[in-house]
């Protein structure tokens, strides 16, 4: 399994069972652009944490776009949409959708654009995860809450975005998160792509900063 960014914000999860783009910010990020002619990535689905339509699954640009809670199987790729409150301070029942991705014996959890931590019951539904994807660039949560989520889900890898556009420097929120989690940016050189396998999972949690393709 390879984890990278597609565009500046969206996570790209590439597996032998299929590939997904997580929460593209715009149409450009929703369309995979290979970095070389040899890249064989085929996008299986686009995952959106903000529900886009009344139907659970629809087509956008010829790709399955999923934005509602539920169990989905696309080929050999297992996807589970898990609802989180859209606004925890409101009485509204509106939700956003986080996603668990299962492939190659690994589980990846995309928090999406949540505004609050999963409660204990939701954390049980999420289950054990190997990889956590945090969109630090767009999440409206303070770093203490993000650190709490990391501790509660206890993944082996935490992949984050949040570099200042056009540079390799962390934005203010990413810098704060690195400090909150005790990560030294000097030891977290931004990575273009990271390959993850069950056998390569680290004994101690690693926070990895991803950089977009040039």
Protein backbone atom coordinates (compact mmCIF):
# COMPACT_ATOMS: atom_id res chain seq x y z
CA UNK A 1 0.00 0.00 0.00
CA UNK A 2 1.29 3.46 -0.95
CA UNK A 3 0.18 6.67 0.79
CA UNK A 4 0.75 10.04 -0.86
CA UNK A 5 -0.98 13.34 -1.65
CA UNK A 6 -2.94 14.06 -4.80
CA UNK A 7 -2.73 17.80 -5.20
CA UNK A 8 -2.02 19.88 -2.09
CA UNK A 9 -4.69 18.48 0.26
CA UNK A 10 -6.17 15.15 -0.82
CA UNK A 11 -4.73 11.84 0.37
CA UNK A 12 -4.22 9.10 -2.20
CA UNK A 13 -4.33 5.52 -0.92
CA UNK A 14 -3.04 3.10 -3.55
CA UNK A 15 -3.50 -0.63 -2.94
CA UNK A 16 -3.45 -3.85 -4.94
CA UNK A 17 -7.25 -3.96 -4.49
CA UNK A 18 -7.87 -0.44 -5.81
CA UNK A 19 -7.02 3.19 -5.13
CA UNK A 20 -9.00 6.01 -3.52
CA UNK A 21 -8.68 9.78 -3.35
CA UNK A 22 -9.76 11.18 0.02
CA UNK A 23 -11.59 14.52 0.24
CA UNK A 24 -10.31 16.33 -2.86
CA UNK A 25 -10.61 20.09 -2.43
CA UNK A 26 -11.50 20.69 -6.07
CA UNK A 27 -11.90 18.99 -9.43
CA UNK A 28 -8.15 19.00 -10.05
CA UNK A 29 -7.49 17.06 -6.86
CA UNK A 30 -10.28 14.62 -7.74
CA UNK A 31 -8.41 13.64 -10.92
CA UNK A 32 -5.24 11.62 -10.53
CA UNK A 33 -2.28 12.99 -12.46
CA UNK A 34 0.57 10.42 -12.68
CA UNK A 35 4.05 11.60 -11.85
CA UNK A 36 5.48 9.31 -14.54
CA UNK A 37 4.28 7.43 -17.59
CA UNK A 38 5.02 4.18 -15.72
CA UNK A 39 2.56 4.90 -12.90
CA UNK A 40 -0.24 2.34 -13.10
CA UNK A 41 -2.59 3.92 -10.54
CA UNK A 42 -6.28 3.48 -11.39
CA UNK A 43 -8.69 5.40 -9.16
CA UNK A 44 -11.42 3.09 -7.86
CA UNK A 45 -13.39 5.61 -5.80
CA UNK A 46 -13.43 9.16 -4.49
CA UNK A 47 -14.30 9.53 -0.80
CA UNK A 48 -15.95 12.76 0.36
CA UNK A 49 -16.60 13.45 4.03
CA UNK A 50 -19.28 16.04 3.25
CA UNK A 51 -22.40 14.25 1.89
CA UNK A 52 -22.92 15.47 -1.67
CA UNK A 53 -26.24 13.99 -2.77
CA UNK A 54 -29.24 12.05 -1.52
CA UNK A 55 -27.98 8.80 -3.04
CA UNK A 56 -25.35 6.88 -1.08
CA UNK A 57 -23.17 6.27 -4.11
CA UNK A 58 -23.00 8.22 -7.33
CA UNK A 59 -20.76 8.83 -10.31
CA UNK A 60 -18.64 11.95 -10.70
CA UNK A 61 -16.39 12.09 -13.73
CA UNK A 62 -16.90 8.37 -14.27
CA UNK A 63 -15.67 7.49 -10.75
CA UNK A 64 -17.65 6.08 -7.84
CA UNK A 65 -18.02 8.93 -5.35
CA UNK A 66 -19.03 7.91 -1.84
CA UNK A 67 -19.99 10.41 0.82
CA UNK A 68 -22.52 8.68 3.11
CA UNK A 69 -22.18 6.21 5.98
CA UNK A 70 -22.49 2.54 5.09
CA UNK A 71 -20.63 -0.58 4.02
CA UNK A 72 -19.23 -0.60 0.49
CA UNK A 73 -17.30 -3.11 -1.57
CA UNK A 74 -15.72 -2.02 -4.81
CA UNK A 75 -13.81 -4.94 -6.24
CA UNK A 76 -11.65 -6.29 -3.42
CA UNK A 77 -11.54 -2.94 -1.63
CA UNK A 78 -13.44 -2.76 1.66
CA UNK A 79 -14.87 0.68 2.56
CA UNK A 80 -16.89 1.65 5.59
CA UNK A 81 -18.40 5.13 5.97
CA UNK A 82 -18.78 6.12 9.62
CA UNK A 83 -20.89 9.14 10.63
CA UNK A 84 -19.57 11.91 12.86
CA UNK A 85 -21.51 15.03 13.98
CA UNK A 86 -21.17 17.87 11.47
CA UNK A 87 -21.41 20.42 14.27
CA UNK A 88 -21.12 19.06 17.82
CA UNK A 89 -22.26 22.39 19.31
CA UNK A 90 -25.55 22.33 17.39
CA UNK A 91 -28.69 20.25 17.91
CA UNK A 92 -28.71 19.54 14.18
CA UNK A 93 -28.53 15.88 13.20
CA UNK A 94 -26.38 16.63 10.17
CA UNK A 95 -23.29 14.46 9.88
CA UNK A 96 -20.03 14.24 8.02
CA UNK A 97 -18.60 10.89 6.96
CA UNK A 98 -15.26 9.47 8.01
CA UNK A 99 -14.01 6.34 6.26
CA UNK A 100 -12.25 3.11 7.14
CA UNK A 101 -10.37 1.52 4.22
CA UNK A 102 -9.37 -2.14 4.43
CA UNK A 103 -6.92 -3.66 1.95
CA UNK A 104 -3.76 -5.77 1.90
CA UNK A 105 -4.29 -6.79 5.54
CA UNK A 106 -4.10 -3.14 6.63
CA UNK A 107 -6.73 -0.73 7.94
CA UNK A 108 -6.63 3.00 7.15
CA UNK A 109 -8.90 5.57 8.82
CA UNK A 110 -9.64 8.87 7.10
CA UNK A 111 -10.99 11.30 9.70
CA UNK A 112 -12.16 13.65 6.97
CA UNK A 113 -13.29 17.20 7.77
CA UNK A 114 -14.60 16.36 11.23
CA UNK A 115 -15.19 19.05 13.85
CA UNK A 116 -15.11 16.78 16.89
CA UNK A 117 -13.46 13.59 18.12
CA UNK A 118 -15.23 10.25 17.65
CA UNK A 119 -17.04 9.34 20.88
CA UNK A 120 -16.41 5.99 22.62
CA UNK A 121 -19.19 4.22 20.72
CA UNK A 122 -17.96 5.51 17.36
CA UNK A 123 -14.37 4.58 18.23
CA UNK A 124 -15.58 1.01 18.76
CA UNK A 125 -17.14 1.03 15.30
CA UNK A 126 -13.91 2.35 13.81
CA UNK A 127 -11.98 -0.45 15.50
CA UNK A 128 -8.24 -1.00 15.41
CA UNK A 129 -6.46 1.01 12.71
CA UNK A 130 -2.93 0.80 11.37
CA UNK A 131 -2.88 4.14 9.55
CA UNK A 132 -4.58 7.45 10.39
CA UNK A 133 -4.97 10.21 7.79
CA UNK A 134 -5.27 13.73 9.22
CA UNK A 135 -6.03 16.67 6.93
CA UNK A 136 -4.32 19.23 9.16
CA UNK A 137 -4.61 21.86 6.42
CA UNK A 138 -8.42 21.97 6.56
CA UNK A 139 -9.49 20.44 9.89
CA UNK A 140 -11.28 22.83 12.24
CA UNK A 141 -9.97 21.24 15.45
CA UNK A 142 -7.36 22.39 17.90
CA UNK A 143 -4.14 20.42 18.10
CA UNK A 144 -4.87 19.06 21.59
CA UNK A 145 -8.01 17.38 20.26
CA UNK A 146 -6.11 16.00 17.26
CA UNK A 147 -3.46 14.65 19.61
CA UNK A 148 -6.21 13.06 21.70
CA UNK A 149 -7.64 11.34 18.60
CA UNK A 150 -4.21 9.97 17.74
CA UNK A 151 -3.85 8.60 21.26
CA UNK A 152 -7.33 7.06 21.30
CA UNK A 153 -7.06 5.29 17.92
CA UNK A 154 -3.41 4.34 18.51
CA UNK A 155 -2.34 3.86 14.86
CA UNK A 156 1.16 2.77 13.87
CA UNK A 157 1.37 5.55 11.27
CA UNK A 158 -0.15 9.03 11.24
CA UNK A 159 0.03 10.73 7.84
CA UNK A 160 -0.56 14.48 7.74
CA UNK A 161 -0.56 17.31 5.22
CA UNK A 162 -0.26 20.99 6.13
CA UNK A 163 2.85 22.37 4.44
CA UNK A 164 2.75 25.99 3.29
CA UNK A 165 1.92 26.03 -0.43
CA UNK A 166 5.03 26.16 -2.57
CA UNK A 167 7.42 25.37 0.28
CA UNK A 168 8.55 22.52 2.52
CA UNK A 169 7.80 24.51 5.68
CA UNK A 170 4.97 23.43 8.00
CA UNK A 171 1.98 25.73 8.39
CA UNK A 172 1.13 27.02 11.86
CA UNK A 173 -1.32 24.22 12.72
CA UNK A 174 1.04 21.50 11.50
CA UNK A 175 3.89 23.09 13.45
CA UNK A 176 1.72 23.12 16.58
CA UNK A 177 0.71 19.47 16.06
CA UNK A 178 4.33 18.41 15.66
CA UNK A 179 5.10 20.15 18.93
CA UNK A 180 2.05 18.72 20.70
CA UNK A 181 2.87 15.15 19.68
CA UNK A 182 6.57 15.51 20.48
CA UNK A 183 7.62 15.10 16.85
CA UNK A 184 10.81 16.87 15.80
CA UNK A 185 10.36 18.39 12.34
CA UNK A 186 14.07 17.89 11.72
CA UNK A 187 13.42 14.16 11.96
CA UNK A 188 10.24 14.36 9.89
CA UNK A 189 11.48 15.40 6.48
CA UNK A 190 8.35 15.67 4.28
CA UNK A 191 7.87 12.58 2.15
CA UNK A 192 6.44 12.34 -1.35
CA UNK A 193 5.17 8.77 -0.95
CA UNK A 194 5.44 6.05 1.70
CA UNK A 195 4.94 2.32 1.16
CA UNK A 196 3.26 0.49 4.07
CA UNK A 197 2.98 -3.24 4.59
CA UNK A 198 1.82 -5.32 7.54
CA UNK A 199 5.37 -6.54 8.15
CA UNK A 200 6.84 -3.01 7.99
CA UNK A 201 4.57 -1.41 10.63
CA UNK A 202 6.80 0.34 13.18
CA UNK A 203 6.90 -0.76 16.81
CA UNK A 204 6.59 2.90 17.86
CA UNK A 205 4.11 5.27 16.27
CA UNK A 206 5.44 7.41 13.45
CA UNK A 207 4.01 10.75 12.31
CA UNK A 208 4.81 11.34 8.64
CA UNK A 209 4.43 14.71 6.89
CA UNK A 210 3.51 14.32 3.22
CA UNK A 211 4.48 16.81 0.53
CA UNK A 212 2.60 17.27 -2.75
CA UNK A 213 4.05 16.37 -6.11
CA UNK A 214 5.73 19.29 -7.83
